[in-house]
């Protein structure tokens, strides 16, 4: 686990946007188990591709006209219990961090795994997210 003083600004990059941080498995279940509508689920991370690509892309995408009904996040490597719980809803995908899932009525309808984030620009990732928002959240 990392010193929370280093992680706090990385958490704040998302929570300052209104993304709800889930700190326990019970929080995850409450948010995702019987979720109606659309939910953006971000598995946040300390790695460089989260800082350079994923979080900036999420910020840009959430400023789009069509957005999910709610957005939530867990922090991999720091909060193992809620991270494992969130990943249990992402069936068919290998655990990766960062990763970004869009769920509709409790099912993953769009997924960006680490290999689809790493090495791409925030603008490219944001474009993918906005396309998913237009398709599933409009």
Protein backbone atom coordinates (compact mmCIF):
# COMPACT_ATOMS: atom_id res chain seq x y z
CA UNK A 1 0.00 0.00 0.00
CA UNK A 2 1.07 3.52 -0.72
CA UNK A 3 1.27 6.42 1.69
CA UNK A 4 -2.16 8.05 1.59
CA UNK A 5 -0.54 11.49 1.24
CA UNK A 6 0.61 10.46 -2.25
CA UNK A 7 -2.72 8.90 -3.21
CA UNK A 8 -5.05 11.67 -1.98
CA UNK A 9 -4.46 14.01 -4.97
CA UNK A 10 -5.08 11.12 -7.37
CA UNK A 11 -8.35 10.32 -5.62
CA UNK A 12 -9.30 14.00 -5.70
CA UNK A 13 -8.83 14.22 -9.47
CA UNK A 14 -11.97 12.11 -9.78
CA UNK A 15 -13.93 12.99 -6.65
CA UNK A 16 -13.60 16.70 -7.48
CA UNK A 17 -15.52 15.86 -10.69
CA UNK A 18 -18.34 14.37 -8.64
CA UNK A 19 -17.23 10.75 -9.07
CA UNK A 20 -18.25 8.86 -5.93
CA UNK A 21 -15.43 6.96 -4.26
CA UNK A 22 -16.42 3.53 -3.00
CA UNK A 23 -14.40 2.55 0.07
CA UNK A 24 -15.85 -0.89 0.91
CA UNK A 25 -17.27 -3.95 -0.80
CA UNK A 26 -20.65 -3.03 0.69
CA UNK A 27 -20.41 0.41 -0.97
CA UNK A 28 -19.68 -1.29 -4.31
CA UNK A 29 -22.59 -3.70 -3.96
CA UNK A 30 -24.93 -0.87 -3.02
CA UNK A 31 -23.86 1.15 -6.07
CA UNK A 32 -23.75 -1.67 -8.63
CA UNK A 33 -25.80 -4.68 -7.57
CA UNK A 34 -29.19 -3.48 -8.70
CA UNK A 35 -28.16 -0.34 -10.54
CA UNK A 36 -30.69 1.03 -12.98
CA UNK A 37 -29.52 3.26 -15.78
CA UNK A 38 -25.88 3.88 -16.60
CA UNK A 39 -22.90 3.84 -14.27
CA UNK A 40 -19.29 4.70 -15.08
CA UNK A 41 -16.94 2.56 -12.98
CA UNK A 42 -13.32 3.70 -12.79
CA UNK A 43 -10.62 1.48 -11.35
CA UNK A 44 -8.17 4.24 -10.48
CA UNK A 45 -4.45 3.65 -10.15
CA UNK A 46 -1.21 5.29 -9.12
CA UNK A 47 0.50 4.38 -12.40
CA UNK A 48 1.59 6.90 -14.98
CA UNK A 49 -1.03 5.93 -17.56
CA UNK A 50 -3.78 6.72 -15.05
CA UNK A 51 -2.30 10.15 -14.34
CA UNK A 52 -1.33 11.02 -17.89
CA UNK A 53 -4.16 9.39 -19.84
CA UNK A 54 -7.10 7.91 -17.92
CA UNK A 55 -8.03 10.59 -15.37
CA UNK A 56 -7.67 13.49 -17.84
CA UNK A 57 -9.77 11.53 -20.36
CA UNK A 58 -12.48 10.94 -17.78
CA UNK A 59 -12.53 14.64 -16.90
CA UNK A 60 -13.00 15.61 -20.54
CA UNK A 61 -15.62 12.91 -21.22
CA UNK A 62 -17.69 13.84 -18.16
CA UNK A 63 -17.98 17.38 -19.55
CA UNK A 64 -19.82 15.99 -22.62
CA UNK A 65 -23.55 16.54 -23.01
CA UNK A 66 -24.44 12.84 -22.65
CA UNK A 67 -23.02 11.34 -19.46
CA UNK A 68 -23.76 8.35 -17.22
CA UNK A 69 -26.44 8.60 -14.55
CA UNK A 70 -23.74 8.09 -11.94
CA UNK A 71 -19.98 7.67 -11.77
CA UNK A 72 -18.05 5.70 -9.16
CA UNK A 73 -14.43 4.81 -8.50
CA UNK A 74 -12.26 2.42 -6.53
CA UNK A 75 -8.50 2.68 -6.07
CA UNK A 76 -6.48 -0.39 -7.06
CA UNK A 77 -3.41 -1.14 -4.98
CA UNK A 78 -4.72 0.96 -2.13
CA UNK A 79 -8.24 -0.26 -1.42
CA UNK A 80 -8.19 -3.99 -2.26
CA UNK A 81 -11.63 -4.94 -0.91
CA UNK A 82 -13.73 -2.49 -2.96
CA UNK A 83 -11.48 -2.97 -5.98
CA UNK A 84 -12.03 -6.74 -5.93
CA UNK A 85 -15.75 -6.19 -5.45
CA UNK A 86 -15.95 -3.78 -8.41
CA UNK A 87 -14.02 -6.19 -10.61
CA UNK A 88 -16.48 -8.95 -9.74
CA UNK A 89 -19.09 -6.98 -11.73
CA UNK A 90 -16.78 -6.78 -14.76
CA UNK A 91 -17.22 -10.39 -15.80
CA UNK A 92 -15.36 -11.48 -18.88
CA UNK A 93 -12.54 -8.99 -18.35
CA UNK A 94 -9.19 -9.59 -16.71
CA UNK A 95 -8.35 -7.41 -13.71
CA UNK A 96 -6.43 -4.35 -14.84
CA UNK A 97 -5.71 -0.93 -13.51
CA UNK A 98 -6.51 1.56 -14.58
CA UNK A 99 -9.68 0.42 -16.27
CA UNK A 100 -12.96 2.09 -17.10
CA UNK A 101 -16.29 0.31 -17.46
CA UNK A 102 -19.63 1.68 -18.52
CA UNK A 103 -22.49 -0.36 -17.11
CA UNK A 104 -26.13 -0.23 -18.11
CA UNK A 105 -28.69 -1.79 -15.79
CA UNK A 106 -25.89 -3.65 -13.99
CA UNK A 107 -24.17 -5.10 -17.08
CA UNK A 108 -20.92 -3.97 -18.69
CA UNK A 109 -21.70 -2.48 -22.10
CA UNK A 110 -18.33 -0.81 -22.73
CA UNK A 111 -14.89 -1.46 -21.30
CA UNK A 112 -11.46 0.09 -21.55
CA UNK A 113 -8.75 -2.10 -20.08
CA UNK A 114 -5.23 -0.98 -19.24
CA UNK A 115 -3.88 -2.18 -22.59
CA UNK A 116 -6.43 0.12 -24.28
CA UNK A 117 -5.39 3.07 -22.10
CA UNK A 118 -1.62 2.73 -21.88
CA UNK A 119 0.20 4.37 -24.77
CA UNK A 120 -2.83 6.32 -25.99
CA UNK A 121 -3.54 9.98 -25.48
CA UNK A 122 -6.17 11.34 -23.13
CA UNK A 123 -7.98 12.76 -26.17
CA UNK A 124 -8.17 9.32 -27.84
CA UNK A 125 -9.49 7.72 -24.66
CA UNK A 126 -11.96 10.54 -24.11
CA UNK A 127 -13.19 10.09 -27.68
CA UNK A 128 -13.88 6.40 -26.94
CA UNK A 129 -15.73 7.29 -23.74
CA UNK A 130 -17.81 9.99 -25.41
CA UNK A 131 -18.77 7.53 -28.13
CA UNK A 132 -19.94 5.06 -25.47
CA UNK A 133 -21.80 7.83 -23.62
CA UNK A 134 -23.55 8.85 -26.84
CA UNK A 135 -24.53 5.25 -27.51
CA UNK A 136 -25.67 4.21 -24.03
CA UNK A 137 -26.38 7.39 -22.02
CA UNK A 138 -28.25 9.62 -24.48
